[in-house]
């Protein structure tokens, strides 16, 4: 998510020609976009990070459900 925020910030700063970002080449920003695409489409899946995030969400949901069930019995 940090990478996406960085890209949006750089595009905005470059477009509105703020400070030193006015001289920044668009190719750097495009290169960062390509890197983000490759990261989210290939590398993250290859490392299993996408499944890990989903597993953490499911685990948290399960813990909340178990806690809620035990609280009702008492």
PDB file of N, CA and C in Angstrom:
ATOM      1  N   UNK A   1       0.830  -1.189   0.000  1.00  0.00           N
ATOM      2  CA  UNK A   1       0.000   0.000   0.000  1.00  0.00           C
ATOM      3  C   UNK A   1       0.875   1.253   0.000  1.00  0.00           C
ATOM      4  N   UNK A   2       2.004   1.155   0.699  1.00  0.00           N
ATOM      5  CA  UNK A   2       2.911   2.294   0.731  1.00  0.00           C
ATOM      6  C   UNK A   2       3.380   2.659  -0.676  1.00  0.00           C
ATOM      7  N   UNK A   3       3.610   1.652  -1.490  1.00  0.00           N
ATOM      8  CA  UNK A   3       4.088   1.873  -2.848  1.00  0.00           C
ATOM      9  C   UNK A   3       3.056   2.631  -3.683  1.00  0.00           C
ATOM     10  N   UNK A   4       1.802   2.303  -3.528  1.00  0.00           N
ATOM     11  CA  UNK A   4       0.735   2.978  -4.272  1.00  0.00           C
ATOM     12  C   UNK A   4       0.617   4.434  -3.829  1.00  0.00           C
ATOM     13  N   UNK A   5       0.700   4.679  -2.526  1.00  0.00           N
ATOM     14  CA  UNK A   5       0.626   6.052  -2.004  1.00  0.00           C
ATOM     15  C   UNK A   5       1.812   6.869  -2.517  1.00  0.00           C
ATOM     16  N   UNK A   6       2.987   6.264  -2.548  1.00  0.00           N
ATOM     17  CA  UNK A   6       4.176   6.943  -3.068  1.00  0.00           C
ATOM     18  C   UNK A   6       3.996   7.315  -4.540  1.00  0.00           C
ATOM     19  N   UNK A   7       3.458   6.411  -5.332  1.00  0.00           N
ATOM     20  CA  UNK A   7       3.243   6.686  -6.757  1.00  0.00           C
ATOM     21  C   UNK A   7       2.263   7.834  -6.943  1.00  0.00           C
ATOM     22  N   UNK A   8       1.166   7.808  -6.209  1.00  0.00           N
ATOM     23  CA  UNK A   8       0.158   8.880  -6.323  1.00  0.00           C
ATOM     24  C   UNK A   8       0.762  10.220  -5.907  1.00  0.00           C
ATOM     25  N   UNK A   9       1.537  10.219  -4.834  1.00  0.00           N
ATOM     26  CA  UNK A   9       2.173  11.459  -4.379  1.00  0.00           C
ATOM     27  C   UNK A   9       3.156  11.983  -5.421  1.00  0.00           C
ATOM     28  N   UNK A  10       3.956  11.108  -5.982  1.00  0.00           N
ATOM     29  CA  UNK A  10       4.920  11.541  -6.995  1.00  0.00           C
ATOM     30  C   UNK A  10       4.238  12.067  -8.251  1.00  0.00           C
ATOM     31  N   UNK A  11       3.164  11.420  -8.669  1.00  0.00           N
ATOM     32  CA  UNK A  11       2.429  11.902  -9.840  1.00  0.00           C
ATOM     33  C   UNK A  11       1.866  13.289  -9.569  1.00  0.00           C
ATOM     34  N   UNK A  12       1.274  13.473  -8.388  1.00  0.00           N
ATOM     35  CA  UNK A  12       0.731  14.786  -8.039  1.00  0.00           C
ATOM     36  C   UNK A  12       1.796  15.861  -7.961  1.00  0.00           C
ATOM     37  N   UNK A  13       2.901  15.555  -7.305  1.00  0.00           N
ATOM     38  CA  UNK A  13       3.984  16.538  -7.187  1.00  0.00           C
ATOM     39  C   UNK A  13       4.595  16.867  -8.537  1.00  0.00           C
ATOM     40  N   UNK A  14       4.741  15.864  -9.385  1.00  0.00           N
ATOM     41  CA  UNK A  14       5.323  16.094 -10.713  1.00  0.00           C
ATOM     42  C   UNK A  14       4.362  16.876 -11.590  1.00  0.00           C
ATOM     43  N   UNK A  15       3.086  16.534 -11.553  1.00  0.00           N
ATOM     44  CA  UNK A  15       2.089  17.181 -12.395  1.00  0.00           C
ATOM     45  C   UNK A  15       1.951  18.666 -12.046  1.00  0.00           C
ATOM     46  N   UNK A  16       1.924  18.970 -10.747  1.00  0.00           N
ATOM     47  CA  UNK A  16       1.773  20.360 -10.324  1.00  0.00           C
ATOM     48  C   UNK A  16       3.105  21.085 -10.192  1.00  0.00           C
ATOM     49  N   UNK A  17       4.187  20.431 -10.596  1.00  0.00           N
ATOM     50  CA  UNK A  17       5.533  20.999 -10.642  1.00  0.00           C
ATOM     51  C   UNK A  17       5.939  21.640  -9.318  1.00  0.00           C
ATOM     52  N   UNK A  18       5.894  20.823  -8.271  1.00  0.00           N
ATOM     53  CA  UNK A  18       6.240  21.274  -6.936  1.00  0.00           C
ATOM     54  C   UNK A  18       7.726  21.054  -6.698  1.00  0.00           C
ATOM     55  N   UNK A  19       8.401  22.085  -6.284  1.00  0.00           N
ATOM     56  CA  UNK A  19       9.788  22.086  -5.843  1.00  0.00           C
ATOM     57  C   UNK A  19      10.690  21.326  -6.814  1.00  0.00           C
ATOM     58  N   UNK A  20      11.492  20.403  -6.336  1.00  0.00           N
ATOM     59  CA  UNK A  20      12.428  19.678  -7.202  1.00  0.00           C
ATOM     60  C   UNK A  20      11.758  18.577  -8.016  1.00  0.00           C
ATOM     61  N   UNK A  21      10.530  18.253  -7.661  1.00  0.00           N
ATOM     62  CA  UNK A  21       9.818  17.215  -8.399  1.00  0.00           C
ATOM     63  C   UNK A  21       9.416  17.687  -9.789  1.00  0.00           C
ATOM     64  N   UNK A  22       9.483  18.997 -10.038  1.00  0.00           N
ATOM     65  CA  UNK A  22       9.174  19.525 -11.363  1.00  0.00           C
ATOM     66  C   UNK A  22      10.176  19.023 -12.398  1.00  0.00           C
ATOM     67  N   UNK A  23      11.386  18.743 -11.959  1.00  0.00           N
ATOM     68  CA  UNK A  23      12.430  18.280 -12.877  1.00  0.00           C
ATOM     69  C   UNK A  23      12.536  16.762 -12.935  1.00  0.00           C
ATOM     70  N   UNK A  24      11.733  16.052 -12.132  1.00  0.00           N
ATOM     71  CA  UNK A  24      11.761  14.595 -12.100  1.00  0.00           C
ATOM     72  C   UNK A  24      11.203  14.042 -13.412  1.00  0.00           C
ATOM     73  N   UNK A  25      11.912  13.105 -13.971  1.00  0.00           N
ATOM     74  CA  UNK A  25      11.474  12.506 -15.226  1.00  0.00           C
ATOM     75  C   UNK A  25      10.260  11.606 -14.988  1.00  0.00           C
ATOM     76  N   UNK A  26       9.332  11.650 -15.946  1.00  0.00           N
ATOM     77  CA  UNK A  26       8.160  10.791 -15.861  1.00  0.00           C
ATOM     78  C   UNK A  26       8.559   9.321 -15.932  1.00  0.00           C
ATOM     79  N   UNK A  27       9.701   9.026 -16.516  1.00  0.00           N
ATOM     80  CA  UNK A  27      10.149   7.639 -16.650  1.00  0.00           C
ATOM     81  C   UNK A  27      10.410   6.995 -15.298  1.00  0.00           C
ATOM     82  N   UNK A  28      10.868   7.776 -14.332  1.00  0.00           N
ATOM     83  CA  UNK A  28      11.059   7.224 -12.980  1.00  0.00           C
ATOM     84  C   UNK A  28       9.717   6.804 -12.375  1.00  0.00           C
ATOM     85  N   UNK A  29       8.714   7.628 -12.591  1.00  0.00           N
ATOM     86  CA  UNK A  29       7.391   7.328 -12.054  1.00  0.00           C
ATOM     87  C   UNK A  29       6.795   6.128 -12.774  1.00  0.00           C
ATOM     88  N   UNK A  30       6.941   6.078 -14.088  1.00  0.00           N
ATOM     89  CA  UNK A  30       6.446   4.937 -14.854  1.00  0.00           C
ATOM     90  C   UNK A  30       7.184   3.669 -14.433  1.00  0.00           C
ATOM     91  N   UNK A  31       8.487   3.775 -14.212  1.00  0.00           N
ATOM     92  CA  UNK A  31       9.264   2.627 -13.743  1.00  0.00           C
ATOM     93  C   UNK A  31       8.782   2.130 -12.395  1.00  0.00           C
ATOM     94  N   UNK A  32       8.447   3.049 -11.510  1.00  0.00           N
ATOM     95  CA  UNK A  32       7.909   2.684 -10.206  1.00  0.00           C
ATOM     96  C   UNK A  32       6.541   2.010 -10.344  1.00  0.00           C
ATOM     97  N   UNK A  33       5.744   2.477 -11.305  1.00  0.00           N
ATOM     98  CA  UNK A  33       4.443   1.845 -11.558  1.00  0.00           C
ATOM     99  C   UNK A  33       4.622   0.418 -12.078  1.00  0.00           C
ATOM    100  N   UNK A  34       5.576   0.227 -12.965  1.00  0.00           N
ATOM    101  CA  UNK A  34       5.847  -1.118 -13.488  1.00  0.00           C
ATOM    102  C   UNK A  34       6.328  -2.022 -12.363  1.00  0.00           C
ATOM    103  N   UNK A  35       7.202  -1.513 -11.509  1.00  0.00           N
ATOM    104  CA  UNK A  35       7.673  -2.299 -10.372  1.00  0.00           C
ATOM    105  C   UNK A  35       6.514  -2.693  -9.466  1.00  0.00           C
ATOM    106  N   UNK A  36       5.603  -1.750  -9.198  1.00  0.00           N
ATOM    107  CA  UNK A  36       4.448  -2.043  -8.347  1.00  0.00           C
ATOM    108  C   UNK A  36       3.574  -3.118  -8.988  1.00  0.00           C
ATOM    109  N   UNK A  37       3.370  -3.033 -10.298  1.00  0.00           N
ATOM    110  CA  UNK A  37       2.576  -4.038 -10.987  1.00  0.00           C
ATOM    111  C   UNK A  37       3.212  -5.417 -10.869  1.00  0.00           C
ATOM    112  N   UNK A  38       4.507  -5.490 -11.139  1.00  0.00           N
ATOM    113  CA  UNK A  38       5.214  -6.774 -11.047  1.00  0.00           C
ATOM    114  C   UNK A  38       5.174  -7.299  -9.621  1.00  0.00           C
ATOM    115  N   UNK A  39       5.336  -6.421  -8.642  1.00  0.00           N
ATOM    116  CA  UNK A  39       5.319  -6.838  -7.242  1.00  0.00           C
ATOM    117  C   UNK A  39       3.969  -7.460  -6.877  1.00  0.00           C
ATOM    118  N   UNK A  40       2.883  -6.726  -7.157  1.00  0.00           N
ATOM    119  CA  UNK A  40       1.568  -7.183  -6.721  1.00  0.00           C
ATOM    120  C   UNK A  40       1.037  -8.356  -7.544  1.00  0.00           C
ATOM    121  N   UNK A  41       1.444  -8.484  -8.785  1.00  0.00           N
ATOM    122  CA  UNK A  41       0.930  -9.555  -9.628  1.00  0.00           C
ATOM    123  C   UNK A  41       1.748 -10.837  -9.554  1.00  0.00           C
ATOM    124  N   UNK A  42       3.049 -10.726  -9.337  1.00  0.00           N
ATOM    125  CA  UNK A  42       3.895 -11.906  -9.428  1.00  0.00           C
ATOM    126  C   UNK A  42       4.668 -12.210  -8.143  1.00  0.00           C
ATOM    127  N   UNK A  43       5.419 -11.246  -7.659  1.00  0.00           N
ATOM    128  CA  UNK A  43       6.318 -11.495  -6.530  1.00  0.00           C
ATOM    129  C   UNK A  43       5.533 -11.792  -5.257  1.00  0.00           C
ATOM    130  N   UNK A  44       4.495 -11.001  -4.981  1.00  0.00           N
ATOM    131  CA  UNK A  44       3.700 -11.212  -3.769  1.00  0.00           C
ATOM    132  C   UNK A  44       3.051 -12.601  -3.770  1.00  0.00           C
ATOM    133  N   UNK A  45       2.564 -13.021  -4.925  1.00  0.00           N
ATOM    134  CA  UNK A  45       1.956 -14.350  -5.022  1.00  0.00           C
ATOM    135  C   UNK A  45       3.006 -15.446  -4.907  1.00  0.00           C
ATOM    136  N   UNK A  46       4.178 -15.220  -5.487  1.00  0.00           N
ATOM    137  CA  UNK A  46       5.237 -16.227  -5.423  1.00  0.00           C
ATOM    138  C   UNK A  46       5.727 -16.426  -3.987  1.00  0.00           C
ATOM    139  N   UNK A  47       5.759 -15.362  -3.215  1.00  0.00           N
ATOM    140  CA  UNK A  47       6.199 -15.447  -1.821  1.00  0.00           C
ATOM    141  C   UNK A  47       5.082 -15.884  -0.879  1.00  0.00           C
ATOM    142  N   UNK A  48       3.861 -15.928  -1.391  1.00  0.00           N
ATOM    143  CA  UNK A  48       2.730 -16.350  -0.575  1.00  0.00           C
ATOM    144  C   UNK A  48       2.206 -15.269   0.344  1.00  0.00           C
ATOM    145  N   UNK A  49       2.570 -14.032   0.108  1.00  0.00           N
ATOM    146  CA  UNK A  49       2.138 -12.954   0.997  1.00  0.00           C
ATOM    147  C   UNK A  49       0.647 -12.675   0.881  1.00  0.00           C
ATOM    148  N   UNK A  50       0.076 -12.885  -0.298  1.00  0.00           N
ATOM    149  CA  UNK A  50      -1.353 -12.640  -0.453  1.00  0.00           C
ATOM    150  C   UNK A  50      -2.175 -13.643   0.352  1.00  0.00           C
ATOM    151  N   UNK A  51      -1.743 -14.889   0.387  1.00  0.00           N
ATOM    152  CA  UNK A  51      -2.444 -15.911   1.168  1.00  0.00           C
ATOM    153  C   UNK A  51      -2.252 -15.684   2.666  1.00  0.00           C
ATOM    154  N   UNK A  52      -1.078 -15.191   3.037  1.00  0.00           N
ATOM    155  CA  UNK A  52      -0.805 -14.947   4.447  1.00  0.00           C
ATOM    156  C   UNK A  52      -1.726 -13.853   4.989  1.00  0.00           C
ATOM    157  N   UNK A  53      -1.929 -12.812   4.214  1.00  0.00           N
ATOM    158  CA  UNK A  53      -2.825 -11.737   4.641  1.00  0.00           C
ATOM    159  C   UNK A  53      -4.248 -12.256   4.812  1.00  0.00           C
ATOM    160  N   UNK A  54      -4.708 -13.039   3.853  1.00  0.00           N
ATOM    161  CA  UNK A  54      -6.064 -13.589   3.936  1.00  0.00           C
ATOM    162  C   UNK A  54      -6.184 -14.550   5.109  1.00  0.00           C
ATOM    163  N   UNK A  55      -5.152 -15.341   5.352  1.00  0.00           N
ATOM    164  CA  UNK A  55      -5.169 -16.276   6.475  1.00  0.00           C
ATOM    165  C   UNK A  55      -5.256 -15.525   7.803  1.00  0.00           C
ATOM    166  N   UNK A  56      -4.533 -14.418   7.925  1.00  0.00           N
ATOM    167  CA  UNK A  56      -4.588 -13.624   9.160  1.00  0.00           C
ATOM    168  C   UNK A  56      -5.984 -13.055   9.392  1.00  0.00           C
ATOM    169  N   UNK A  57      -6.632 -12.610   8.331  1.00  0.00           N
ATOM    170  CA  UNK A  57      -7.990 -12.078   8.446  1.00  0.00           C
ATOM    171  C   UNK A  57      -8.943 -13.184   8.881  1.00  0.00           C
ATOM    172  N   UNK A  58      -8.825 -14.364   8.271  1.00  0.00           N
ATOM    173  CA  UNK A  58      -9.685 -15.491   8.639  1.00  0.00           C
ATOM    174  C   UNK A  58      -9.446 -15.925  10.084  1.00  0.00           C
ATOM    175  N   UNK A  59      -8.196 -15.943  10.504  1.00  0.00           N
ATOM    176  CA  UNK A  59      -7.860 -16.342  11.876  1.00  0.00           C
ATOM    177  C   UNK A  59      -8.451 -15.362  12.897  1.00  0.00           C
ATOM    178  N   UNK A  60      -8.378 -14.074  12.590  1.00  0.00           N
ATOM    179  CA  UNK A  60      -8.939 -13.062  13.485  1.00  0.00           C
ATOM    180  C   UNK A  60     -10.461 -13.227  13.584  1.00  0.00           C
ATOM    181  N   UNK A  61     -11.109 -13.472  12.441  1.00  0.00           N
ATOM    182  CA  UNK A  61     -12.549 -13.688  12.427  1.00  0.00           C
ATOM    183  C   UNK A  61     -12.930 -14.908  13.265  1.00  0.00           C
ATOM    184  N   UNK A  62     -12.146 -15.977  13.163  1.00  0.00           N
ATOM    185  CA  UNK A  62     -12.410 -17.196  13.919  1.00  0.00           C
ATOM    186  C   UNK A  62     -12.270 -16.945  15.421  1.00  0.00           C
ATOM    187  N   UNK A  63     -11.231 -16.216  15.809  1.00  0.00           N
ATOM    188  CA  UNK A  63     -11.024 -15.917  17.223  1.00  0.00           C
ATOM    189  C   UNK A  63     -12.178 -15.090  17.789  1.00  0.00           C
ATOM    190  N   UNK A  64     -12.640 -14.129  17.024  1.00  0.00           N
ATOM    191  CA  UNK A  64     -13.765 -13.316  17.481  1.00  0.00           C
ATOM    192  C   UNK A  64     -15.032 -14.151  17.619  1.00  0.00           C
ATOM    193  N   UNK A  65     -15.251 -15.073  16.688  1.00  0.00           N
ATOM    194  CA  UNK A  65     -16.432 -15.936  16.735  1.00  0.00           C
ATOM    195  C   UNK A  65     -16.386 -16.857  17.946  1.00  0.00           C
ATOM    196  N   UNK A  66     -15.206 -17.426  18.237  1.00  0.00           N
ATOM    197  CA  UNK A  66     -15.055 -18.313  19.395  1.00  0.00           C
ATOM    198  C   UNK A  66     -15.265 -17.539  20.683  1.00  0.00           C
ATOM    199  N   UNK A  67     -14.688 -16.364  20.769  1.00  0.00           N
ATOM    200  CA  UNK A  67     -14.841 -15.545  21.977  1.00  0.00           C
ATOM    201  C   UNK A  67     -16.308 -15.164  22.188  1.00  0.00           C
ATOM    202  N   UNK A  68     -16.977 -14.809  21.123  1.00  0.00           N
ATOM    203  CA  UNK A  68     -18.383 -14.442  21.206  1.00  0.00           C
ATOM    204  C   UNK A  68     -19.232 -15.644  21.654  1.00  0.00           C
ATOM    205  N   UNK A  69     -18.925 -16.826  21.154  1.00  0.00           N
ATOM    206  CA  UNK A  69     -19.675 -18.026  21.525  1.00  0.00           C
ATOM    207  C   UNK A  69     -19.472 -18.371  22.992  1.00  0.00           C
ATOM    208  N   UNK A  70     -18.262 -18.257  23.509  1.00  0.00           N
ATOM    209  CA  UNK A  70     -18.008 -18.574  24.918  1.00  0.00           C
ATOM    210  C   UNK A  70     -18.593 -17.519  25.850  1.00  0.00           C
ATOM    211  N   UNK A  71     -18.635 -16.257  25.411  1.00  0.00           N
ATOM    212  CA  UNK A  71     -19.222 -15.207  26.232  1.00  0.00           C
ATOM    213  C   UNK A  71     -20.727 -15.402  26.386  1.00  0.00           C
ATOM    214  N   UNK A  72     -21.394 -15.938  25.377  1.00  0.00           N
ATOM    215  CA  UNK A  72     -22.831 -16.155  25.458  1.00  0.00           C
ATOM    216  C   UNK A  72     -23.186 -17.272  26.437  1.00  0.00           C
ATOM    217  N   UNK A  73     -22.315 -18.271  26.556  1.00  0.00           N
ATOM    218  CA  UNK A  73     -22.601 -19.414  27.432  1.00  0.00           C
ATOM    219  C   UNK A  73     -22.480 -19.050  28.906  1.00  0.00           C
ATOM    220  N   UNK A  74     -21.721 -18.063  29.226  1.00  0.00           N
ATOM    221  CA  UNK A  74     -21.490 -17.698  30.633  1.00  0.00           C
ATOM    222  C   UNK A  74     -22.547 -16.825  31.166  1.00  0.00           C
TER     223      UNK A  74
END
